[in-house]
């Protein structure tokens, strides 16, 4: 009878979460695992560096979109509130694709917000609310920086033969950023609705 109770207690204890675990890093940032994707480790390493920089900046851009989405004001509030949220949703999908590409290459995707803040090249905005044209300009400047990084990375991954990364950067990242720039920039054109 006592053995039966002891085994029940043991079974219950096995289903408890093991909390407050500590350990060591099993792969450090900036290192590569060996994956059988038939791509030279030097090429994979360079691609990881390029993609992680873009990833850090896209993460910051995503947060800028959310900030400006919440803080939007004025007579174009509704349209811009929805547009910026749509753009943020598209950026979050790109973030996932970029992070997964780094992992596919055997690297470690940048993810921690504190690490991203150390690495990003995008200027930190003020904590408060800016005028609408300034917020839109800030987003356009971030896009421009990322597009510049993308063009460099596209050329380098094409030259190194990393077709998988190159395809992601061209077909998903660059095209998305160029389209979002177009949509944002049109809101900064000062034309009347009608002419008399």
Protein backbone atom coordinates (compact mmCIF):
# COMPACT_ATOMS: atom_id res chain seq x y z
CA UNK A 1 0.00 0.00 0.00
CA UNK A 2 2.79 2.41 0.89
CA UNK A 3 4.63 1.64 -2.39
CA UNK A 4 1.52 2.58 -4.37
CA UNK A 5 1.28 5.97 -2.61
CA UNK A 6 5.00 6.63 -3.13
CA UNK A 7 4.74 5.92 -6.87
CA UNK A 8 1.72 8.25 -7.13
CA UNK A 9 3.67 11.02 -5.42
CA UNK A 10 6.61 10.41 -7.75
CA UNK A 11 4.31 10.58 -10.81
CA UNK A 12 2.84 13.88 -9.58
CA UNK A 13 6.30 15.34 -8.97
CA UNK A 14 7.41 14.39 -12.49
CA UNK A 15 4.76 16.67 -13.95
CA UNK A 16 5.95 19.73 -12.04
CA UNK A 17 7.90 22.38 -13.96
CA UNK A 18 11.59 22.57 -13.13
CA UNK A 19 11.83 26.25 -12.23
CA UNK A 20 14.79 28.60 -11.79
CA UNK A 21 17.17 26.58 -13.93
CA UNK A 22 20.67 27.85 -14.62
CA UNK A 23 23.20 26.69 -17.12
CA UNK A 24 25.65 27.88 -19.69
CA UNK A 25 25.26 29.05 -23.27
CA UNK A 26 25.25 26.09 -25.61
CA UNK A 27 26.10 28.35 -28.58
CA UNK A 28 27.55 31.82 -28.28
CA UNK A 29 26.41 34.73 -30.43
CA UNK A 30 28.68 35.11 -33.45
CA UNK A 31 29.50 31.40 -33.71
CA UNK A 32 28.32 28.79 -36.21
CA UNK A 33 26.96 25.29 -35.88
CA UNK A 34 27.85 22.83 -38.58
CA UNK A 35 24.74 22.23 -40.67
CA UNK A 36 24.75 20.15 -43.87
CA UNK A 37 23.53 22.90 -46.23
CA UNK A 38 26.54 22.69 -48.57
CA UNK A 39 27.67 26.27 -47.98
CA UNK A 40 31.16 27.25 -46.89
CA UNK A 41 31.36 28.21 -43.18
CA UNK A 42 33.05 31.51 -44.09
CA UNK A 43 30.14 32.36 -46.40
CA UNK A 44 27.58 31.35 -43.77
CA UNK A 45 29.37 33.43 -41.14
CA UNK A 46 29.44 36.53 -43.34
CA UNK A 47 25.75 36.08 -44.19
CA UNK A 48 24.88 35.77 -40.49
CA UNK A 49 26.66 39.05 -39.73
CA UNK A 50 24.87 40.82 -42.59
CA UNK A 51 21.44 39.42 -41.75
CA UNK A 52 21.80 40.04 -38.00
CA UNK A 53 22.56 43.73 -38.64
CA UNK A 54 19.50 44.01 -40.86
CA UNK A 55 17.47 42.06 -38.30
CA UNK A 56 18.47 44.42 -35.48
CA UNK A 57 17.46 47.44 -37.53
CA UNK A 58 14.18 45.86 -38.67
CA UNK A 59 13.31 45.07 -35.04
CA UNK A 60 13.83 48.73 -34.15
CA UNK A 61 11.82 49.82 -37.20
CA UNK A 62 8.98 47.52 -36.12
CA UNK A 63 8.91 49.22 -32.71
CA UNK A 64 9.00 52.66 -34.34
CA UNK A 65 5.98 51.66 -36.38
CA UNK A 66 4.11 50.55 -33.26
CA UNK A 67 5.07 53.72 -31.40
CA UNK A 68 3.94 56.00 -34.22
CA UNK A 69 0.80 53.90 -34.77
CA UNK A 70 -0.20 54.57 -31.15
CA UNK A 71 0.85 58.25 -31.12
CA UNK A 72 -0.61 59.28 -34.48
CA UNK A 73 -2.63 62.53 -34.35
CA UNK A 74 -4.59 64.92 -36.55
CA UNK A 75 -7.00 64.72 -39.47
CA UNK A 76 -5.17 61.75 -41.06
CA UNK A 77 -5.20 59.81 -37.79
CA UNK A 78 -7.43 56.95 -38.91
CA UNK A 79 -5.72 56.25 -42.24
CA UNK A 80 -2.21 56.47 -40.82
CA UNK A 81 -3.10 54.57 -37.65
CA UNK A 82 -4.24 51.64 -39.82
CA UNK A 83 -1.40 51.96 -42.35
CA UNK A 84 1.33 51.99 -39.71
CA UNK A 85 -0.20 48.97 -37.99
CA UNK A 86 -0.32 47.12 -41.33
CA UNK A 87 3.33 47.98 -41.97
CA UNK A 88 4.27 46.82 -38.45
CA UNK A 89 2.53 43.48 -39.05
CA UNK A 90 4.46 43.03 -42.30
CA UNK A 91 7.72 43.88 -40.53
CA UNK A 92 7.08 41.32 -37.78
CA UNK A 93 6.75 38.62 -40.45
CA UNK A 94 10.04 39.77 -41.97
CA UNK A 95 11.69 39.71 -38.53
CA UNK A 96 10.73 36.07 -38.18
CA UNK A 97 12.02 35.19 -41.65
CA UNK A 98 15.35 36.97 -41.04
CA UNK A 99 15.83 35.35 -37.62
CA UNK A 100 15.04 31.93 -39.01
CA UNK A 101 17.52 32.47 -41.87
CA UNK A 102 20.33 33.13 -39.38
CA UNK A 103 19.39 29.92 -37.57
CA UNK A 104 19.27 28.01 -40.87
CA UNK A 105 22.81 29.19 -41.60
CA UNK A 106 23.91 27.77 -38.23
CA UNK A 107 24.25 31.13 -36.49
CA UNK A 108 22.50 32.77 -33.55
CA UNK A 109 19.82 35.33 -34.41
CA UNK A 110 19.96 38.61 -32.54
CA UNK A 111 16.83 38.86 -30.40
CA UNK A 112 17.29 40.38 -26.95
CA UNK A 113 16.09 44.02 -26.99
CA UNK A 114 19.15 45.18 -25.05
CA UNK A 115 21.46 43.55 -27.59
CA UNK A 116 19.43 44.98 -30.47
CA UNK A 117 19.75 48.47 -28.94
CA UNK A 118 23.56 48.07 -28.85
CA UNK A 119 23.74 46.95 -32.49
CA UNK A 120 21.12 49.03 -34.33
CA UNK A 121 22.21 51.91 -36.55
CA UNK A 122 18.80 53.61 -36.33
CA UNK A 123 18.81 56.78 -34.23
CA UNK A 124 16.75 56.69 -31.07
CA UNK A 125 13.67 58.93 -31.27
CA UNK A 126 12.50 61.17 -28.43
CA UNK A 127 10.33 59.44 -25.85
CA UNK A 128 7.40 61.77 -26.48
CA UNK A 129 5.10 62.55 -29.40
CA UNK A 130 6.39 64.29 -32.52
CA UNK A 131 4.38 65.97 -35.27
CA UNK A 132 2.99 63.60 -37.91
CA UNK A 133 5.38 64.63 -40.74
CA UNK A 134 8.34 64.15 -38.42
CA UNK A 135 7.18 60.67 -37.41
CA UNK A 136 6.72 59.71 -41.06
CA UNK A 137 10.11 61.16 -41.96
CA UNK A 138 11.71 59.19 -39.13
CA UNK A 139 10.19 55.98 -40.52
CA UNK A 140 11.40 56.83 -44.03
CA UNK A 141 14.93 57.48 -42.77
CA UNK A 142 14.95 54.09 -41.00
CA UNK A 143 13.74 52.41 -44.19
CA UNK A 144 16.43 54.18 -46.21
CA UNK A 145 19.15 52.96 -43.85
CA UNK A 146 17.84 49.38 -44.00
CA UNK A 147 17.47 49.48 -47.80
CA UNK A 148 21.11 50.57 -48.03
CA UNK A 149 22.14 47.62 -45.84
CA UNK A 150 19.97 45.29 -47.91
CA UNK A 151 21.56 46.36 -51.19
CA UNK A 152 25.06 45.74 -49.79
CA UNK A 153 24.00 42.36 -48.37
CA UNK A 154 22.28 41.38 -51.64
CA UNK A 155 25.46 42.07 -53.61
CA UNK A 156 27.64 40.19 -51.11
CA UNK A 157 25.38 37.13 -50.86
CA UNK A 158 25.08 36.97 -54.66
CA UNK A 159 28.88 37.12 -55.00
CA UNK A 160 29.40 34.45 -52.33
CA UNK A 161 26.83 32.05 -53.76
CA UNK A 162 24.45 32.17 -50.77
CA UNK A 163 21.33 31.96 -52.91
CA UNK A 164 18.97 31.22 -50.02
CA UNK A 165 19.88 34.37 -48.13
CA UNK A 166 20.02 36.38 -51.35
CA UNK A 167 16.50 35.29 -52.31
CA UNK A 168 15.11 36.23 -48.89
CA UNK A 169 16.79 39.64 -48.99
CA UNK A 170 15.55 40.43 -52.51
CA UNK A 171 12.10 38.87 -52.67
CA UNK A 172 10.92 39.52 -49.13
CA UNK A 173 12.99 42.21 -47.46
CA UNK A 174 13.89 44.67 -50.22
CA UNK A 175 10.53 44.54 -51.96
CA UNK A 176 8.67 45.02 -48.68
CA UNK A 177 10.79 48.02 -47.68
CA UNK A 178 10.51 49.68 -51.09
CA UNK A 179 6.72 49.29 -51.09
CA UNK A 180 6.40 50.65 -47.56
CA UNK A 181 8.57 53.65 -48.49
CA UNK A 182 6.22 54.39 -51.39
CA UNK A 183 3.13 54.28 -49.15
CA UNK A 184 4.71 56.49 -46.49
CA UNK A 185 6.27 59.02 -48.84
CA UNK A 186 2.93 59.71 -50.54
CA UNK A 187 1.63 61.03 -47.19
CA UNK A 188 4.30 63.73 -47.24
CA UNK A 189 3.30 65.14 -50.64
CA UNK A 190 1.66 68.54 -50.14
CA UNK A 191 -1.07 68.68 -52.76
CA UNK A 192 -4.65 69.96 -52.40
CA UNK A 193 -7.55 67.52 -52.70
CA UNK A 194 -9.16 69.70 -55.38
CA UNK A 195 -8.06 72.62 -57.51
CA UNK A 196 -10.33 75.53 -58.42
